[in-house]
């Protein structure tokens, strides 16, 4: 969908861009523009879904001073903390933030990007869904500044800020092995997203180095909480030999704690637990949960800095930059040495 501009409106009605600008800014009477011309312009603005307020500002300054942050789920503690830090950094630089959650739905992602493009925003920070390649390529071809965070789309060169998910998962699994755990179950999301693939590879690589057997459960992102908990309970009943669990993301870890409670399994006496991504509940739980923590403030600061550099290139297409950050393993009480 082509973005509507004042120039488009003026050309379609065979009037000057200046005339459209005066009408948009409420100066039609002051400038002696007829009621008939004013009505034609306003009617076409409404018909084309043109946003005159933001675009008038853009015409004057070349920028709308707005950035769109599109994430998987703004309610998730990881993404809400990212959003909070990005918003603070954006405000310091004179930018407003619009938010959108995709629920990992590609149609929702595409719709958010198209709608925001038509609103004349200056740039995007996006957590991409797995099938968003076409829309990301469109952003590149239209030279619209954007940065991908948390995950990338294989085969597409973009500006991105991601985590070394392989290293984080490898180190978490190695920590369990070093503490005597050998039958480690891995619970993850099945959609094949790049960061989840890397976490699974890290888990598998650590096991292979010690010639240990892998065991994993995959659930769908769209599955509701009760279904995921039921599947974890069944997985535990079907795999009673497991001595530890690795949850690939924090919300699965939270569901897992409830599943373990319902199974009357005590941490770490009956089963050790680790999770990728930290969460306040993991810190407050008894026992506290060992995690691979992401540098949220650094992710936010780096992504906004990278985006603003691209916005300030004024239409030039800069070389893509990939920033890979390191996780921190925080060892807590859920992974004490296994008692033999």
Protein backbone atom coordinates (compact mmCIF):
# COMPACT_ATOMS: atom_id res chain seq x y z
CA UNK A 1 0.00 0.00 0.00
CA UNK A 2 1.48 3.31 -1.11
CA UNK A 3 1.87 5.98 1.54
CA UNK A 4 -0.41 8.99 0.97
CA UNK A 5 1.28 12.39 1.06
CA UNK A 6 0.29 16.03 0.61
CA UNK A 7 1.88 15.82 -2.83
CA UNK A 8 -0.44 12.94 -3.77
CA UNK A 9 -3.48 14.88 -2.58
CA UNK A 10 -2.41 18.02 -4.49
CA UNK A 11 -1.68 16.13 -7.71
CA UNK A 12 -4.99 14.27 -7.68
CA UNK A 13 -6.95 17.52 -7.28
CA UNK A 14 -4.68 19.58 -9.55
CA UNK A 15 -3.90 22.12 -6.84
CA UNK A 16 -0.60 23.16 -5.28
CA UNK A 17 0.99 21.42 -2.31
CA UNK A 18 0.99 24.83 -0.61
CA UNK A 19 -2.80 25.02 -0.95
CA UNK A 20 -3.18 21.57 0.63
CA UNK A 21 -0.79 22.60 3.43
CA UNK A 22 -2.77 25.76 4.19
CA UNK A 23 -6.01 23.76 4.37
CA UNK A 24 -4.41 21.08 6.55
CA UNK A 25 -3.20 23.78 8.95
CA UNK A 26 -6.57 25.58 9.07
CA UNK A 27 -5.35 28.65 7.18
CA UNK A 28 -7.71 28.33 4.23
CA UNK A 29 -9.76 31.42 5.07
CA UNK A 30 -6.71 33.46 5.98
CA UNK A 31 -5.15 32.64 2.62
CA UNK A 32 -8.35 33.23 0.65
CA UNK A 33 -8.90 29.61 -0.41
CA UNK A 34 -12.47 29.01 -1.57
CA UNK A 35 -14.91 26.87 0.39
CA UNK A 36 -15.31 24.59 -2.62
CA UNK A 37 -11.55 23.88 -2.85
CA UNK A 38 -11.33 23.45 0.91
CA UNK A 39 -14.16 20.89 0.84
CA UNK A 40 -12.58 18.95 -2.06
CA UNK A 41 -9.25 18.72 -0.25
CA UNK A 42 -10.77 17.71 3.07
CA UNK A 43 -13.03 15.11 1.44
CA UNK A 44 -10.09 13.52 -0.38
CA UNK A 45 -7.98 13.57 2.79
CA UNK A 46 -10.72 11.61 4.54
CA UNK A 47 -11.21 9.21 1.62
CA UNK A 48 -7.50 8.40 1.31
CA UNK A 49 -7.00 7.95 5.06
CA UNK A 50 -4.46 10.76 5.09
CA UNK A 51 -3.29 11.91 8.54
CA UNK A 52 -2.98 15.68 8.13
CA UNK A 53 -1.71 16.54 11.61
CA UNK A 54 1.34 14.31 11.61
CA UNK A 55 2.06 14.90 7.97
CA UNK A 56 1.91 18.68 8.31
CA UNK A 57 4.60 18.44 10.96
CA UNK A 58 6.61 16.13 8.73
CA UNK A 59 6.36 18.59 5.84
CA UNK A 60 7.78 21.38 7.99
CA UNK A 61 10.56 19.44 9.74
CA UNK A 62 11.22 16.42 7.53
CA UNK A 63 10.44 14.22 10.55
CA UNK A 64 7.40 13.15 12.54
CA UNK A 65 9.50 12.47 15.66
CA UNK A 66 7.64 9.22 16.19
CA UNK A 67 9.01 5.67 16.38
CA UNK A 68 7.04 2.44 16.36
CA UNK A 69 7.98 -0.43 18.67
CA UNK A 70 6.44 -3.73 17.56
CA UNK A 71 7.03 -6.69 19.90
CA UNK A 72 5.67 -10.15 20.44
CA UNK A 73 3.76 -9.38 23.64
CA UNK A 74 4.02 -6.07 25.47
CA UNK A 75 2.55 -7.75 28.58
CA UNK A 76 5.53 -10.12 28.85
CA UNK A 77 7.98 -8.82 31.44
CA UNK A 78 10.95 -9.03 29.05
CA UNK A 79 9.23 -6.95 26.35
CA UNK A 80 7.61 -4.53 28.78
CA UNK A 81 11.02 -3.78 30.31
CA UNK A 82 12.51 -3.37 26.83
CA UNK A 83 9.67 -0.97 25.95
CA UNK A 84 10.14 1.05 29.13
CA UNK A 85 13.84 1.53 28.43
CA UNK A 86 13.36 2.29 24.74
CA UNK A 87 10.68 4.84 25.55
CA UNK A 88 12.96 6.60 28.06
CA UNK A 89 15.82 6.72 25.53
CA UNK A 90 13.50 7.93 22.77
CA UNK A 91 12.08 10.73 24.94
CA UNK A 92 15.59 11.96 25.72
CA UNK A 93 16.07 12.37 21.99
CA UNK A 94 12.72 14.11 21.42
CA UNK A 95 10.81 11.12 20.04
CA UNK A 96 7.44 9.62 20.92
CA UNK A 97 6.85 5.87 20.89
CA UNK A 98 3.85 3.99 19.49
CA UNK A 99 3.48 0.37 20.67
CA UNK A 100 2.06 -2.74 19.09
CA UNK A 101 1.87 -6.41 20.10
CA UNK A 102 1.76 -9.12 17.45
CA UNK A 103 1.06 -12.21 19.59
CA UNK A 104 3.47 -13.82 17.12
CA UNK A 105 0.82 -13.45 14.40
CA UNK A 106 2.18 -12.53 10.97
CA UNK A 107 -1.03 -10.86 9.74
CA UNK A 108 -1.07 -8.63 12.83
CA UNK A 109 2.59 -7.73 12.25
CA UNK A 110 2.02 -6.81 8.61
CA UNK A 111 -1.04 -4.73 9.47
CA UNK A 112 0.80 -2.80 12.18
CA UNK A 113 3.69 -1.99 9.85
CA UNK A 114 1.43 -0.92 6.97
CA UNK A 115 -0.73 1.29 9.18
CA UNK A 116 2.26 2.94 10.82
CA UNK A 117 4.02 3.50 7.48
CA UNK A 118 0.93 5.37 6.29
CA UNK A 119 1.07 7.53 9.42
CA UNK A 120 4.48 8.84 8.42
CA UNK A 121 6.53 7.53 11.35
CA UNK A 122 10.30 7.99 11.22
CA UNK A 123 11.31 4.41 11.96
CA UNK A 124 10.56 1.02 13.46
CA UNK A 125 12.01 -1.26 16.13
CA UNK A 126 10.57 -4.71 15.42
CA UNK A 127 10.54 -8.17 16.95
CA UNK A 128 9.75 -9.99 13.69
CA UNK A 129 7.37 -12.90 13.27
CA UNK A 130 8.78 -15.86 11.40
CA UNK A 131 6.94 -15.09 8.12
CA UNK A 132 7.51 -11.33 8.02
CA UNK A 133 10.24 -11.46 5.35
CA UNK A 134 8.26 -9.73 2.58
CA UNK A 135 7.29 -6.75 4.73
CA UNK A 136 10.84 -6.39 6.08
CA UNK A 137 12.17 -6.42 2.51
CA UNK A 138 9.61 -3.74 1.63
CA UNK A 139 10.92 -1.55 4.46
CA UNK A 140 14.46 -2.03 3.10
CA UNK A 141 13.44 -1.25 -0.48
CA UNK A 142 11.54 1.87 0.63
CA UNK A 143 14.59 2.93 2.66
CA UNK A 144 12.52 3.26 5.85
CA UNK A 145 14.79 3.06 8.93
CA UNK A 146 14.22 0.02 11.12
CA UNK A 147 16.03 -2.24 13.58
CA UNK A 148 15.16 -5.85 14.41
CA UNK A 149 15.53 -6.90 18.04
CA UNK A 150 15.48 -10.23 19.88
CA UNK A 151 15.55 -12.27 16.66
CA UNK A 152 16.43 -12.05 12.97
CA UNK A 153 15.05 -13.38 9.69
CA UNK A 154 17.50 -15.82 8.06
CA UNK A 155 18.78 -14.71 4.67
CA UNK A 156 17.88 -11.03 5.09
CA UNK A 157 20.60 -8.53 5.98
CA UNK A 158 19.19 -5.95 8.40
CA UNK A 159 20.15 -3.69 11.25
CA UNK A 160 19.61 -5.82 14.33
CA UNK A 161 20.34 -6.11 18.03
CA UNK A 162 20.22 -9.67 19.31
CA UNK A 163 21.52 -11.87 22.09
CA UNK A 164 24.01 -14.72 21.89
CA UNK A 165 21.23 -17.21 22.60
CA UNK A 166 23.41 -20.19 21.75
CA UNK A 167 25.98 -19.21 24.36
CA UNK A 168 23.35 -18.54 27.02
CA UNK A 169 21.66 -21.90 26.51
CA UNK A 170 24.98 -23.73 26.32
CA UNK A 171 26.18 -22.19 29.58
CA UNK A 172 22.90 -22.90 31.40
CA UNK A 173 22.99 -26.54 30.29
CA UNK A 174 26.68 -26.85 31.17
CA UNK A 175 25.93 -25.45 34.63
CA UNK A 176 23.37 -28.21 35.18
CA UNK A 177 25.79 -30.87 33.95
CA UNK A 178 28.61 -29.52 36.13
CA UNK A 179 26.29 -29.81 39.14
CA UNK A 180 25.63 -33.49 38.45
CA UNK A 181 22.42 -33.35 36.37
CA UNK A 182 22.44 -35.63 33.33
CA UNK A 183 18.80 -36.12 32.28
CA UNK A 184 17.84 -32.60 31.29
CA UNK A 185 14.46 -31.89 29.70
CA UNK A 186 14.15 -28.87 27.37
CA UNK A 187 10.78 -27.12 27.04
CA UNK A 188 10.47 -24.67 24.15
CA UNK A 189 8.24 -23.08 21.50
CA UNK A 190 7.69 -24.95 18.23
CA UNK A 191 7.41 -22.08 15.72
CA UNK A 192 11.06 -22.22 14.64
CA UNK A 193 12.01 -18.65 15.50
CA UNK A 194 15.72 -17.90 15.14
CA UNK A 195 16.40 -17.17 18.82
CA UNK A 196 14.57 -20.33 19.95
CA UNK A 197 16.50 -22.39 17.41
CA UNK A 198 19.76 -21.02 18.81
CA UNK A 199 18.75 -21.82 22.38
CA UNK A 200 17.88 -25.37 21.39
CA UNK A 201 21.24 -25.75 19.60
CA UNK A 202 23.06 -24.51 22.69
CA UNK A 203 21.26 -27.08 24.85
CA UNK A 204 21.95 -29.89 22.35
CA UNK A 205 25.63 -28.99 21.93
CA UNK A 206 26.27 -29.03 25.68
CA UNK A 207 24.67 -32.47 25.95
CA UNK A 208 26.55 -33.88 22.97
CA UNK A 209 29.89 -32.85 24.45
CA UNK A 210 29.14 -35.06 27.44
CA UNK A 211 27.40 -37.73 25.34
CA UNK A 212 24.13 -37.18 27.18
CA UNK A 213 20.69 -37.89 25.77
CA UNK A 214 18.40 -34.99 24.85
CA UNK A 215 14.70 -34.81 25.68
CA UNK A 216 12.40 -31.97 24.78
CA UNK A 217 8.81 -30.77 24.69
CA UNK A 218 7.62 -28.24 22.13
CA UNK A 219 4.48 -26.16 22.64
CA UNK A 220 2.83 -23.57 20.40
CA UNK A 221 3.07 -19.90 21.24
CA UNK A 222 -0.69 -19.57 20.73
CA UNK A 223 -1.51 -22.34 23.25
CA UNK A 224 -3.26 -20.97 26.31
CA UNK A 225 -1.75 -21.26 29.76
CA UNK A 226 -3.85 -24.20 30.96
CA UNK A 227 -3.01 -26.28 27.88
CA UNK A 228 0.73 -25.62 28.25
CA UNK A 229 0.65 -26.52 31.94
CA UNK A 230 -1.24 -29.74 31.17
CA UNK A 231 1.31 -30.66 28.51
CA UNK A 232 4.20 -30.04 30.91
CA UNK A 233 2.50 -32.19 33.57
CA UNK A 234 2.05 -35.01 31.04
CA UNK A 235 5.67 -34.62 29.84
CA UNK A 236 6.91 -35.00 33.42
CA UNK A 237 4.74 -38.07 34.01
CA UNK A 238 5.95 -39.66 30.76
CA UNK A 239 9.60 -38.87 31.53
CA UNK A 240 10.04 -39.63 35.21
CA UNK A 241 13.76 -40.17 34.73
CA UNK A 242 14.33 -36.41 34.22
CA UNK A 243 16.40 -34.79 36.96
CA UNK A 244 16.25 -31.23 35.63
CA UNK A 245 14.27 -28.91 33.34
CA UNK A 246 15.42 -26.09 31.06
CA UNK A 247 12.66 -23.63 30.06
CA UNK A 248 13.51 -21.77 26.85
CA UNK A 249 11.73 -18.55 27.82
CA UNK A 250 10.45 -16.93 30.98
CA UNK A 251 6.72 -17.39 30.48
CA UNK A 252 7.24 -21.12 29.95
CA UNK A 253 9.32 -21.16 33.14
CA UNK A 254 6.47 -19.53 35.07
CA UNK A 255 3.99 -22.07 33.70
CA UNK A 256 6.50 -24.79 34.53
CA UNK A 257 6.67 -23.78 38.19
CA UNK A 258 2.91 -24.23 38.41
CA UNK A 259 3.12 -27.61 36.66
CA UNK A 260 5.82 -28.80 39.07
CA UNK A 261 3.72 -27.69 42.01
CA UNK A 262 0.74 -29.63 40.70
CA UNK A 263 2.98 -32.68 40.24
CA UNK A 264 4.16 -32.24 43.85
CA UNK A 265 7.79 -32.06 42.70
CA UNK A 266 10.15 -30.04 44.87
CA UNK A 267 12.95 -27.87 43.49
CA UNK A 268 15.82 -28.82 43.52
CA UNK A 269 15.43 -32.00 45.61
CA UNK A 270 13.22 -33.74 43.05
CA UNK A 271 14.14 -31.76 39.96
CA UNK A 272 16.42 -28.81 39.19
CA UNK A 273 15.15 -25.87 37.11
CA UNK A 274 16.73 -23.21 34.88
CA UNK A 275 15.11 -20.68 32.56
CA UNK A 276 16.17 -18.38 29.75
CA UNK A 277 15.21 -14.75 30.60
CA UNK A 278 14.87 -13.49 34.14
CA UNK A 279 11.63 -12.55 35.85
CA UNK A 280 10.70 -11.08 39.22
CA UNK A 281 8.88 -14.31 40.07
CA UNK A 282 12.11 -16.25 39.55
CA UNK A 283 13.87 -14.01 42.05
CA UNK A 284 11.07 -14.27 44.63
CA UNK A 285 10.29 -17.95 44.21
CA UNK A 286 11.39 -20.34 46.95
CA UNK A 287 13.86 -21.57 45.89
CA UNK A 288 14.97 -18.79 43.51
CA UNK A 289 15.50 -19.86 39.89
CA UNK A 290 18.79 -19.93 37.98
CA UNK A 291 18.52 -17.99 34.70
CA UNK A 292 20.28 -16.65 31.63
CA UNK A 293 19.51 -12.96 31.99
CA UNK A 294 19.37 -10.59 29.03
CA UNK A 295 20.95 -7.08 29.25
CA UNK A 296 17.66 -5.25 28.79
CA UNK A 297 19.02 -1.72 29.24
CA UNK A 298 21.82 -2.40 26.76
CA UNK A 299 19.40 -3.89 24.20
CA UNK A 300 17.17 -0.83 24.46
CA UNK A 301 20.00 1.73 24.34
CA UNK A 302 21.76 0.02 21.44
CA UNK A 303 18.61 -0.42 19.34
CA UNK A 304 17.44 3.19 19.75
CA UNK A 305 20.95 4.51 19.06
CA UNK A 306 21.22 2.42 15.90
CA UNK A 307 17.76 3.48 14.71
CA UNK A 308 18.36 7.20 15.29
CA UNK A 309 21.65 7.02 13.37
CA UNK A 310 19.73 5.58 10.43
CA UNK A 311 16.94 8.15 10.69
CA UNK A 312 19.52 10.93 10.61
CA UNK A 313 21.06 9.58 7.41
CA UNK A 314 18.27 11.49 5.59
CA UNK A 315 17.40 8.98 2.92
CA UNK A 316 20.82 7.44 2.46
CA UNK A 317 21.05 3.69 2.78
CA UNK A 318 23.76 2.90 5.36
CA UNK A 319 25.53 -0.42 5.73
CA UNK A 320 23.59 -2.81 7.96
CA UNK A 321 24.91 -3.27 11.47
CA UNK A 322 24.46 -6.41 13.60
CA UNK A 323 25.05 -6.15 17.33
CA UNK A 324 25.35 -9.38 19.32
CA UNK A 325 25.09 -8.94 23.10
CA UNK A 326 26.07 -11.41 25.82
CA UNK A 327 23.73 -12.97 28.40
CA UNK A 328 24.58 -13.26 32.08
CA UNK A 329 24.15 -16.56 33.91
CA UNK A 330 22.68 -15.85 37.35
CA UNK A 331 23.07 -18.89 39.59
CA UNK A 332 20.42 -19.25 42.27
CA UNK A 333 19.06 -21.96 44.55
CA UNK A 334 17.16 -24.05 41.98
CA UNK A 335 20.36 -25.76 40.75
CA UNK A 336 22.33 -26.75 43.84
CA UNK A 337 24.64 -29.73 43.35
CA UNK A 338 22.73 -32.97 42.84
CA UNK A 339 22.68 -35.22 45.87
CA UNK A 340 23.65 -38.79 45.00
